[in-house]
Amino acid sequence: MVSVLELGKKIMCMGYICDRCLGRQFAELLTGMDNAERGRIVRLSVAMEIDRIAADPEELKKFEEDESEKIRVENFVGITFHNNKHLNIQLKEVDKENLECFLCGNIMERLDEMARNVVKELEGYEFETFLVGVKLPEHIESAEAKLWEEIGGIYAESIRNEITREVGKRVQQLTGKKVEFKKPDVTVILNLQRNVIELIVSSLYIYGRYNKYKEMPQARWVCRHCNGVGCKRCEWKGRLYDDSVQDRIGEILLEMTKGVDTKIHGAGREDIDALCTGWREFVIEILEPRKRKIDLKKAEKEINKRNKGVVEVKDLKIVDKDMVRIIKEKRSKKIYEAIVRFEKEIDEEELKKLKGFQAVISQKTPTRVLHRRSDKVRKRRVKIVDVERIDERRAKMIIEADAGTYIKEFVNGDGGRTRPSVAELLNSECEVEKLIVAGFIDNENSSGGKQK
């Protein structure tokens, strides 16, 4: 196996190399020092070996014939030889001001500068954790690959690793914030290709529950024809509906966090024309927030004040991204209040037949959503908990149903695509006039009850 000394000589034959880049080729040897120290040790060791050889005329002659032209004299700048006077003379001719490392192009001399620039770029952002990444110029990656082909690189670490580690340490010292590898608040990309700093600010996730008292979609409906740009179909608005639960809640949170936009993730969603009084769970995602520490009690009050009679929220709290998956995977049963209008007059005795009805119904994908959902059959359990006659052709029904049940189709039958249905049971065409999601029952809680 080639010795450290021989490897050092071989590397220094390829051109001038800075201490950090030289030492990095031996990063897996010894601890308690950085690569600059390792590089200095290797450089001095090679210099000492050359000076030792110079003390022996026979050995010097052989060395000069074999290797003197290979090792670049620039690698000994700052070193004075005791025996090799010839090298001392050569070193006086070296242009020390314009030395450039063949591996990094002197980028490794800019670590302190990089760290200061990162701290400046982060001004105005609240964060507790960060991570540094780097995009290297192609010529540096190519030079490193070529070097490793020559020497093997068995003890080396990459220049990418060293830059991210060393800049990260300096930023940590300057800001007092912590490096976090898994879920940093902000990721800093040192783009050395373009000599710019790019920030990837992690989203802020806020959990809560909402009620909706006005007809509107849960999420912003971007026009699918223009993808939000604006076209004739959406009257140049970029969206199909002017209002949404997402915008009502997100507007205040964006003001407080100074974020750029929001996404809403709900535990299911109700139809646009359905209301919700059962406190549906949601997570609202704030994109690129500058402020991460906000008063959520104050936010809750402000949201409810501005949206009185339209949208109401409660239980706001900061959560991890994992909460999005948790609520989306929930399959809670739901309690609905439905005002149903019948085509013919329905008397009390007929309605009584419905109270307590329960069955596993078969639902084909409703006609109204076939354009965006696959046509398949779903089995869902439903129960009509209570029925109350309003007048000759209207009734109020309390219906408990599995997650994913199309309640409107359970009522009207959808031309026979849902069976059995209320329409089929009463032999009368009927439609849902008003629908309210009144409660949620977690699957674990089989005894039921409204979730408040």
Protein backbone atom coordinates (compact mmCIF):
# COMPACT_ATOMS: atom_id res chain seq x y z
CA MET A 1 0.00 0.00 0.00
CA VAL A 2 1.26 3.47 -0.87
CA SER A 3 2.43 5.53 2.12
CA VAL A 4 0.99 8.92 3.10
CA LEU A 5 4.31 10.49 2.10
CA GLU A 6 4.22 8.94 -1.37
CA LEU A 7 0.57 9.97 -1.83
CA GLY A 8 1.43 13.51 -0.77
CA LYS A 9 4.26 13.64 -3.30
CA LYS A 10 2.02 12.31 -6.04
CA ILE A 11 -0.65 14.94 -5.38
CA MET A 12 1.87 17.77 -5.26
CA CYS A 13 3.20 16.71 -8.63
CA MET A 14 -0.17 17.54 -10.21
CA GLY A 15 0.06 21.24 -9.46
CA TYR A 16 -0.22 23.71 -6.63
CA ILE A 17 -2.71 22.54 -4.01
CA CYS A 18 -3.88 24.44 -0.93
CA ASP A 19 -3.60 23.02 2.59
CA ARG A 20 -7.31 22.21 2.87
CA CYS A 21 -7.49 20.36 -0.43
CA LEU A 22 -4.29 18.48 0.34
CA GLY A 23 -5.38 17.56 3.84
CA ARG A 24 -8.84 16.53 2.65
CA GLN A 25 -7.28 13.60 0.78
CA PHE A 26 -6.29 12.23 4.23
CA ALA A 27 -9.48 13.21 6.12
CA GLU A 28 -10.03 9.65 7.36
CA LEU A 29 -6.66 9.64 9.15
CA LEU A 30 -6.31 11.05 12.68
CA THR A 31 -8.92 13.08 14.55
CA GLY A 32 -8.88 16.31 16.52
CA MET A 33 -7.72 18.45 13.61
CA ASP A 34 -9.18 19.99 10.49
CA ASN A 35 -8.11 19.35 6.91
CA ALA A 36 -5.98 22.49 6.77
CA GLU A 37 -3.87 21.09 9.62
CA ARG A 38 -3.63 17.70 7.91
CA GLY A 39 -2.54 19.38 4.70
CA ARG A 40 0.13 21.39 6.48
CA ILE A 41 1.46 18.22 8.12
CA VAL A 42 1.65 16.36 4.79
CA ARG A 43 3.25 19.35 3.05
CA LEU A 44 5.92 19.73 5.74
CA SER A 45 6.54 15.97 5.74
CA VAL A 46 7.21 16.00 1.99
CA ALA A 47 9.39 19.10 2.36
CA MET A 48 11.40 17.46 5.15
CA GLU A 49 11.88 14.33 3.02
CA ILE A 50 13.16 16.45 0.12
CA ASP A 51 15.48 18.36 2.46
CA ARG A 52 16.78 15.06 3.89
CA ILE A 53 17.51 13.79 0.37
CA ALA A 54 19.38 17.01 -0.44
CA ALA A 55 21.86 16.25 2.36
CA ASP A 56 23.07 13.15 0.48
CA PRO A 57 24.66 13.94 -2.94
CA GLU A 58 24.10 10.42 -4.27
CA GLU A 59 20.45 10.36 -3.26
CA LEU A 60 19.91 13.95 -4.44
CA LYS A 61 21.25 13.14 -7.89
CA LYS A 62 18.94 10.17 -8.20
CA PHE A 63 15.98 12.21 -6.91
CA GLU A 64 16.60 15.07 -9.34
CA GLU A 65 16.78 12.64 -12.25
CA ASP A 66 13.55 10.91 -11.24
CA GLU A 67 11.31 13.45 -9.51
CA SER A 68 12.67 16.97 -9.29
CA GLU A 69 10.71 18.12 -12.32
CA LYS A 70 7.48 16.52 -11.11
CA ILE A 71 6.88 18.11 -7.71
CA ARG A 72 5.71 21.67 -8.23
CA VAL A 73 7.90 24.11 -6.33
CA GLU A 74 4.87 26.36 -5.57
CA ASN A 75 3.76 23.77 -3.03
CA PHE A 76 6.62 24.84 -0.75
CA VAL A 77 5.83 28.56 -0.54
CA GLY A 78 6.48 29.71 3.03
CA ILE A 79 8.94 26.88 3.69
CA THR A 80 12.72 27.41 3.94
CA PHE A 81 14.94 24.41 3.24
CA HIS A 82 18.12 23.81 5.20
CA ASN A 83 19.91 21.60 2.67
CA ASN A 84 18.14 22.20 -0.63
CA LYS A 85 19.43 25.68 -1.47
CA HIS A 86 18.34 25.26 -5.09
CA LEU A 87 14.68 25.04 -4.06
CA ASN A 88 15.08 28.15 -1.88
CA ILE A 89 16.26 30.03 -4.96
CA GLN A 90 13.37 28.73 -7.05
CA LEU A 91 10.85 29.73 -4.37
CA LYS A 92 11.96 33.36 -4.65
CA GLU A 93 10.77 33.32 -8.26
CA VAL A 94 7.22 32.13 -7.40
CA ASP A 95 4.40 34.67 -7.82
CA LYS A 96 2.85 34.12 -4.42
CA GLU A 97 -0.03 36.54 -4.97
CA ASN A 98 -1.44 34.62 -7.92
CA LEU A 99 -1.18 31.04 -6.70
CA GLU A 100 -4.34 29.08 -7.50
CA CYS A 101 -5.15 25.63 -6.16
CA PHE A 102 -5.64 23.26 -9.08
CA LEU A 103 -8.43 21.50 -7.20
CA CYS A 104 -10.62 24.21 -5.65
CA GLY A 105 -9.51 27.35 -7.49
CA ASN A 106 -8.99 28.95 -4.03
CA ILE A 107 -12.67 28.55 -3.07
CA MET A 108 -11.55 27.03 0.23
CA GLU A 109 -10.00 30.37 1.18
CA ARG A 110 -13.48 31.92 1.16
CA LEU A 111 -15.14 29.87 3.91
CA ASP A 112 -15.37 32.80 6.34
CA GLU A 113 -16.69 35.06 3.60
CA MET A 114 -19.29 32.46 2.60
CA ALA A 115 -20.51 32.17 6.18
CA ARG A 116 -20.85 35.95 6.57
CA ASN A 117 -22.80 36.13 3.31
CA VAL A 118 -25.12 33.35 4.47
CA VAL A 119 -25.85 35.18 7.73
CA LYS A 120 -26.59 38.36 5.77
CA GLU A 121 -28.95 36.46 3.44
CA LEU A 122 -30.81 35.02 6.44
CA GLU A 123 -31.55 38.43 7.91
CA GLY A 124 -35.30 38.88 8.26
CA TYR A 125 -36.01 35.15 8.67
CA GLU A 126 -36.94 33.55 11.97
CA PHE A 127 -35.40 30.10 12.31
CA GLU A 128 -33.94 27.79 14.93
CA THR A 129 -32.34 25.19 12.69
CA PHE A 130 -30.60 25.27 9.33
CA LEU A 131 -28.64 23.15 6.89
CA VAL A 132 -26.01 24.15 4.34
CA GLY A 133 -25.78 22.59 0.89
CA VAL A 134 -23.55 23.43 -2.07
CA LYS A 135 -23.66 23.38 -5.87
CA LEU A 136 -20.12 23.12 -7.23
CA PRO A 137 -18.80 24.33 -10.58
CA GLU A 138 -18.37 21.40 -12.96
CA HIS A 139 -14.63 21.97 -13.33
CA ILE A 140 -14.10 21.48 -9.59
CA GLU A 141 -16.07 18.24 -9.50
CA SER A 142 -14.18 17.04 -12.57
CA ALA A 143 -10.82 17.93 -11.01
CA GLU A 144 -11.71 16.05 -7.83
CA ALA A 145 -12.84 12.98 -9.81
CA LYS A 146 -9.64 13.04 -11.83
CA LEU A 147 -7.51 13.30 -8.68
CA TRP A 148 -9.27 10.33 -7.09
CA GLU A 149 -8.69 8.31 -10.24
CA GLU A 150 -4.96 9.00 -9.82
CA ILE A 151 -4.57 8.43 -6.09
CA GLY A 152 -7.51 6.19 -5.24
CA GLY A 153 -9.07 8.57 -2.69
CA ILE A 154 -9.41 5.87 -0.04
CA TYR A 155 -8.80 8.29 2.87
CA ALA A 156 -10.47 11.32 1.26
CA GLU A 157 -13.67 13.24 1.87
CA SER A 158 -15.35 15.27 -0.85
CA ILE A 159 -14.93 19.00 -1.23
CA ARG A 160 -18.73 19.25 -1.04
CA ASN A 161 -18.74 17.70 2.43
CA GLU A 162 -15.99 19.94 3.72
CA ILE A 163 -17.56 23.16 2.45
CA THR A 164 -20.99 22.36 3.89
CA ARG A 165 -19.51 21.31 7.24
CA GLU A 166 -17.11 24.22 7.63
CA VAL A 167 -19.57 26.90 6.50
CA GLY A 168 -22.22 25.32 8.71
CA LYS A 169 -19.93 25.50 11.74
CA ARG A 170 -19.20 29.17 11.08
CA VAL A 171 -22.86 30.09 10.57
CA GLN A 172 -23.71 28.26 13.78
CA GLN A 173 -21.11 30.29 15.66
CA LEU A 174 -22.28 33.58 14.14
CA THR A 175 -26.02 33.03 14.71
CA GLY A 176 -26.28 30.70 17.68
CA LYS A 177 -28.65 28.49 15.63
CA LYS A 178 -28.30 24.74 15.23
CA VAL A 179 -27.47 22.60 12.22
CA GLU A 180 -30.27 20.09 11.56
CA PHE A 181 -29.98 17.39 8.91
CA LYS A 182 -33.50 15.94 8.82
CA LYS A 183 -35.97 18.81 9.09
CA PRO A 184 -34.22 22.20 9.09
CA ASP A 185 -36.27 25.40 9.20
CA VAL A 186 -34.19 26.72 6.33
CA THR A 187 -31.76 25.14 3.89
CA VAL A 188 -29.01 27.35 2.48
CA ILE A 189 -27.65 26.40 -0.93
CA LEU A 190 -24.25 27.89 -1.77
CA ASN A 191 -24.50 28.00 -5.55
CA LEU A 192 -20.84 28.36 -6.44
CA GLN A 193 -21.67 27.83 -10.11
CA ARG A 194 -23.45 31.18 -10.21
CA ASN A 195 -21.88 32.67 -7.07
CA VAL A 196 -25.25 33.21 -5.39
CA ILE A 197 -26.96 31.99 -2.23
CA GLU A 198 -30.32 30.23 -2.54
CA LEU A 199 -32.69 29.75 0.40
CA ILE A 200 -35.18 26.91 0.75
CA VAL A 201 -37.45 27.93 3.61
CA SER A 202 -39.39 25.04 5.12
CA SER A 203 -43.14 25.45 5.32
CA LEU A 204 -44.85 26.20 8.62
CA TYR A 205 -47.70 23.81 9.41
CA ILE A 206 -50.62 24.97 11.54
CA TYR A 207 -53.27 22.51 12.69
CA GLY A 208 -56.81 23.48 13.57
CA ARG A 209 -60.52 22.77 13.14
CA TYR A 210 -62.94 24.83 11.09
CA ASN A 211 -66.63 25.38 10.61
CA LYS A 212 -68.00 26.71 7.33
CA TYR A 213 -71.26 28.66 7.37
CA LYS A 214 -71.31 29.81 3.75
CA GLU A 215 -71.21 27.92 0.46
CA MET A 216 -67.62 27.87 -0.79
CA PRO A 217 -64.89 25.33 -1.57
CA GLN A 218 -62.47 24.22 1.10
CA ALA A 219 -59.41 24.86 -1.08
CA ARG A 220 -58.76 27.53 -3.67
CA TRP A 221 -60.07 26.29 -7.03
CA VAL A 222 -57.50 27.20 -9.65
CA CYS A 223 -58.88 27.20 -13.20
CA ARG A 224 -57.71 23.95 -14.77
CA HIS A 225 -57.84 25.45 -18.27
CA CYS A 226 -55.25 28.16 -17.61
CA ASN A 227 -53.65 26.79 -14.42
CA GLY A 228 -54.21 30.07 -12.59
CA VAL A 229 -52.87 32.40 -15.27
CA GLY A 230 -56.29 33.73 -16.30
CA CYS A 231 -58.47 32.99 -19.33
CA LYS A 232 -61.95 33.60 -20.77
CA ARG A 233 -63.38 30.54 -19.00
CA CYS A 234 -62.50 31.93 -15.55
CA GLU A 235 -63.10 35.58 -16.57
CA TRP A 236 -59.35 36.20 -16.24
CA LYS A 237 -59.40 35.52 -12.50
CA GLY A 238 -57.29 32.37 -12.62
CA ARG A 239 -59.74 30.64 -10.31
CA LEU A 240 -63.28 29.27 -10.54
CA TYR A 241 -64.49 30.61 -7.18
CA ASP A 242 -63.59 33.92 -5.58
CA ASP A 243 -63.78 32.57 -2.05
CA SER A 244 -62.49 29.54 -0.13
CA VAL A 245 -61.88 28.35 3.41
CA GLN A 246 -58.17 28.31 2.57
CA ASP A 247 -58.13 32.00 1.66
CA ARG A 248 -60.28 33.06 4.60
CA ILE A 249 -57.93 31.40 7.09
CA GLY A 250 -54.71 31.91 5.16
CA GLU A 251 -55.05 35.65 4.68
CA ILE A 252 -54.50 36.44 8.37
CA LEU A 253 -51.79 33.81 8.81
CA LEU A 254 -49.86 35.15 5.82
CA GLU A 255 -49.96 38.63 7.31
CA MET A 256 -48.55 37.33 10.59
CA THR A 257 -45.89 35.01 9.14
CA LYS A 258 -45.01 37.12 6.09
CA GLY A 259 -45.26 33.97 3.98
CA VAL A 260 -45.80 33.93 0.23
CA ASP A 261 -48.80 31.58 -0.08
CA THR A 262 -50.75 28.76 1.58
CA LYS A 263 -51.92 25.22 0.97
CA ILE A 264 -54.73 23.58 2.92
CA HIS A 265 -54.82 19.91 3.84
CA GLY A 266 -58.16 18.72 5.21
CA ALA A 267 -59.42 15.56 6.88
CA GLY A 268 -61.71 15.13 3.89
CA ARG A 269 -63.81 17.97 2.52
CA GLU A 270 -67.44 18.87 2.10
CA ASP A 271 -69.13 19.83 -1.18
CA ILE A 272 -69.03 23.49 -2.10
CA ASP A 273 -72.77 23.86 -1.38
CA ALA A 274 -72.55 21.90 1.90
CA LEU A 275 -71.93 23.61 5.22
CA CYS A 276 -69.87 22.30 8.13
CA THR A 277 -70.69 22.76 11.82
CA GLY A 278 -68.87 19.69 13.12
CA TRP A 279 -65.35 21.18 13.30
CA ARG A 280 -63.43 19.55 10.46
CA GLU A 281 -59.72 19.02 11.10
CA PHE A 282 -57.23 20.70 8.80
CA VAL A 283 -53.59 21.69 8.46
CA ILE A 284 -52.77 24.91 6.68
CA GLU A 285 -49.30 25.08 5.21
CA ILE A 286 -47.57 28.48 5.09
CA LEU A 287 -45.06 28.62 2.25
CA GLU A 288 -41.74 30.42 2.81
CA PRO A 289 -42.60 32.09 6.13
CA ARG A 290 -40.27 34.80 7.39
CA LYS A 291 -41.81 34.63 10.87
CA ARG A 292 -42.26 31.26 12.57
CA LYS A 293 -43.18 32.38 16.08
CA ILE A 294 -46.68 33.83 16.01
CA ASP A 295 -49.44 34.24 18.60
CA LEU A 296 -51.95 31.62 17.47
CA LYS A 297 -54.57 32.69 20.03
CA LYS A 298 -54.43 36.16 18.52
CA ALA A 299 -54.55 34.67 15.01
CA GLU A 300 -57.60 32.59 15.95
CA LYS A 301 -59.46 35.62 17.29
CA GLU A 302 -58.60 37.71 14.22
CA ILE A 303 -59.67 34.99 11.78
CA ASN A 304 -63.00 34.56 13.56
CA LYS A 305 -63.55 38.32 13.84
CA ARG A 306 -62.95 39.03 10.15
CA ASN A 307 -64.94 35.99 9.01
CA LYS A 308 -67.88 36.12 11.39
CA GLY A 309 -70.76 34.11 10.03
CA VAL A 310 -68.61 32.68 7.22
CA VAL A 311 -65.71 30.65 8.65
CA GLU A 312 -64.72 29.90 12.23
CA VAL A 313 -61.59 28.16 13.55
CA LYS A 314 -60.36 26.79 16.87
CA ASP A 315 -57.52 24.75 18.41
CA LEU A 316 -54.79 26.31 16.23
CA LYS A 317 -51.31 24.95 16.98
CA ILE A 318 -47.95 24.49 15.24
CA VAL A 319 -47.44 20.90 14.10
CA ASP A 320 -44.97 18.80 12.19
CA LYS A 321 -45.43 18.01 8.49
CA ASP A 322 -46.34 14.45 9.51
CA MET A 323 -49.70 15.76 10.74
CA VAL A 324 -50.73 16.29 7.11
CA ARG A 325 -50.44 12.56 6.47
CA ILE A 326 -52.19 11.70 9.73
CA ILE A 327 -55.32 13.73 9.07
CA LYS A 328 -55.48 12.73 5.39
CA GLU A 329 -55.42 9.07 6.40
CA LYS A 330 -58.24 9.51 8.91
CA ARG A 331 -61.42 7.70 7.93
CA SER A 332 -63.88 9.21 10.41
CA LYS A 333 -67.57 8.51 10.16
CA LYS A 334 -69.64 11.62 9.66
CA ILE A 335 -72.96 12.89 10.93
CA TYR A 336 -75.00 14.87 8.42
CA GLU A 337 -78.04 17.07 8.72
CA ALA A 338 -79.92 16.99 5.41
CA ILE A 339 -83.01 18.93 4.40
CA VAL A 340 -84.67 16.73 1.80
CA ARG A 341 -87.36 17.82 -0.67
CA PHE A 342 -89.66 15.14 -2.12
CA GLU A 343 -91.44 15.19 -5.47
CA LYS A 344 -94.69 13.98 -3.89
CA GLU A 345 -96.27 14.61 -0.51
CA ILE A 346 -94.90 12.38 2.23
CA ASP A 347 -96.91 11.69 5.39
CA GLU A 348 -95.63 10.97 8.88
CA GLU A 349 -96.16 7.21 8.63
CA GLU A 350 -93.99 6.92 5.53
CA LEU A 351 -91.19 8.94 7.14
CA LYS A 352 -91.26 6.75 10.25
CA LYS A 353 -90.17 3.84 8.03
CA LEU A 354 -86.85 5.62 7.52
CA LYS A 355 -85.96 6.23 11.18
CA GLY A 356 -83.38 3.70 12.31
CA PHE A 357 -82.80 2.35 8.81
CA GLN A 358 -79.26 1.09 8.37
CA ALA A 359 -77.56 -0.86 5.63
CA VAL A 360 -74.40 -1.31 3.61
CA ILE A 361 -75.21 0.54 0.42
CA SER A 362 -73.64 0.08 -2.99
CA GLN A 363 -72.56 3.30 -4.70
CA LYS A 364 -71.27 3.67 -8.20
CA THR A 365 -69.26 6.82 -8.78
CA PRO A 366 -71.85 9.63 -8.91
CA THR A 367 -72.72 11.02 -12.33
CA ARG A 368 -71.75 14.53 -11.18
CA VAL A 369 -68.12 13.56 -10.54
CA LEU A 370 -67.56 10.96 -13.25
CA HIS A 371 -65.51 13.46 -15.25
CA ARG A 372 -62.83 13.50 -12.55
CA ARG A 373 -63.23 10.20 -10.67
CA SER A 374 -62.83 6.61 -11.85
CA ASP A 375 -66.09 4.72 -12.28
CA LYS A 376 -66.18 2.06 -9.59
CA VAL A 377 -68.49 0.61 -6.96
CA ARG A 378 -68.07 1.57 -3.29
CA LYS A 379 -69.61 -0.17 -0.29
CA ARG A 380 -70.52 2.18 2.56
CA ARG A 381 -72.47 1.74 5.78
CA VAL A 382 -75.17 4.34 6.47
CA LYS A 383 -77.74 4.83 9.21
CA ILE A 384 -80.68 7.22 9.32
CA VAL A 385 -80.54 8.28 12.97
CA ASP A 386 -83.58 10.54 12.97
CA VAL A 387 -86.23 11.96 10.64
CA GLU A 388 -88.37 15.03 11.28
CA ARG A 389 -91.17 16.18 8.96
CA ILE A 390 -90.97 19.88 8.10
CA ASP A 391 -93.98 20.10 5.76
CA GLU A 392 -95.78 17.97 3.17
CA ARG A 393 -92.76 17.68 0.91
CA ARG A 394 -89.77 18.36 3.12
CA ALA A 395 -88.04 16.57 5.96
CA LYS A 396 -84.93 16.94 8.08
CA MET A 397 -82.77 13.82 8.32
CA ILE A 398 -79.85 13.01 10.60
CA ILE A 399 -77.64 10.53 8.78
CA GLU A 400 -74.56 8.72 10.06
CA ALA A 401 -72.28 7.42 7.30
CA ASP A 402 -68.86 5.94 6.62
CA ALA A 403 -66.11 8.20 5.29
CA GLY A 404 -66.37 8.57 1.54
CA THR A 405 -70.16 8.20 1.35
CA TYR A 406 -71.91 10.37 -1.21
CA ILE A 407 -74.86 11.56 0.87
CA LYS A 408 -76.70 13.38 -1.92
CA GLU A 409 -76.69 10.20 -3.97
CA PHE A 410 -77.81 8.11 -0.98
CA VAL A 411 -80.81 10.39 -0.85
CA ASN A 412 -81.69 10.77 -4.55
CA GLY A 413 -80.42 7.39 -5.80
CA ASP A 414 -78.54 8.93 -8.75
CA GLY A 415 -80.71 7.15 -11.29
CA GLY A 416 -80.15 3.77 -9.65
CA ARG A 417 -76.37 4.11 -9.31
CA THR A 418 -76.75 4.13 -5.48
CA ARG A 419 -78.85 1.36 -3.91
CA PRO A 420 -80.69 1.31 -1.66
CA SER A 421 -81.52 5.02 -1.43
CA VAL A 422 -84.10 7.18 0.30
CA ALA A 423 -85.80 7.72 -3.07
CA GLU A 424 -86.06 3.96 -3.56
CA LEU A 425 -87.28 3.30 0.00
CA LEU A 426 -90.10 5.87 -0.29
CA ASN A 427 -90.73 5.36 -4.01
CA SER A 428 -90.43 9.09 -4.57
CA GLU A 429 -87.91 11.23 -6.35
CA CYS A 430 -86.16 13.56 -3.92
CA GLU A 431 -83.21 15.91 -3.65
CA VAL A 432 -81.03 17.30 -0.88
CA GLU A 433 -82.01 20.93 -0.47
CA LYS A 434 -79.45 21.70 2.24
CA LEU A 435 -76.58 19.63 3.63
CA ILE A 436 -74.56 20.22 6.79
CA VAL A 437 -71.63 18.16 8.04
CA ALA A 438 -72.64 18.21 11.69
CA GLY A 439 -70.10 15.94 13.33
CA PHE A 440 -67.23 13.46 13.03
CA ILE A 441 -66.81 10.09 14.72
CA ASP A 442 -63.32 8.61 14.87
CA ASN A 443 -63.22 4.94 13.91
CA GLU A 444 -61.63 4.00 17.25
CA ASN A 445 -64.63 5.48 19.04
CA SER A 446 -67.25 2.99 17.91
CA SER A 447 -69.80 4.31 20.44
CA GLY A 448 -70.00 7.49 18.35
CA GLY A 449 -70.77 11.02 19.36
CA LYS A 450 -70.00 14.38 17.82
CA GLN A 451 -66.38 15.42 17.74
CA LYS A 452 -66.16 18.93 19.11
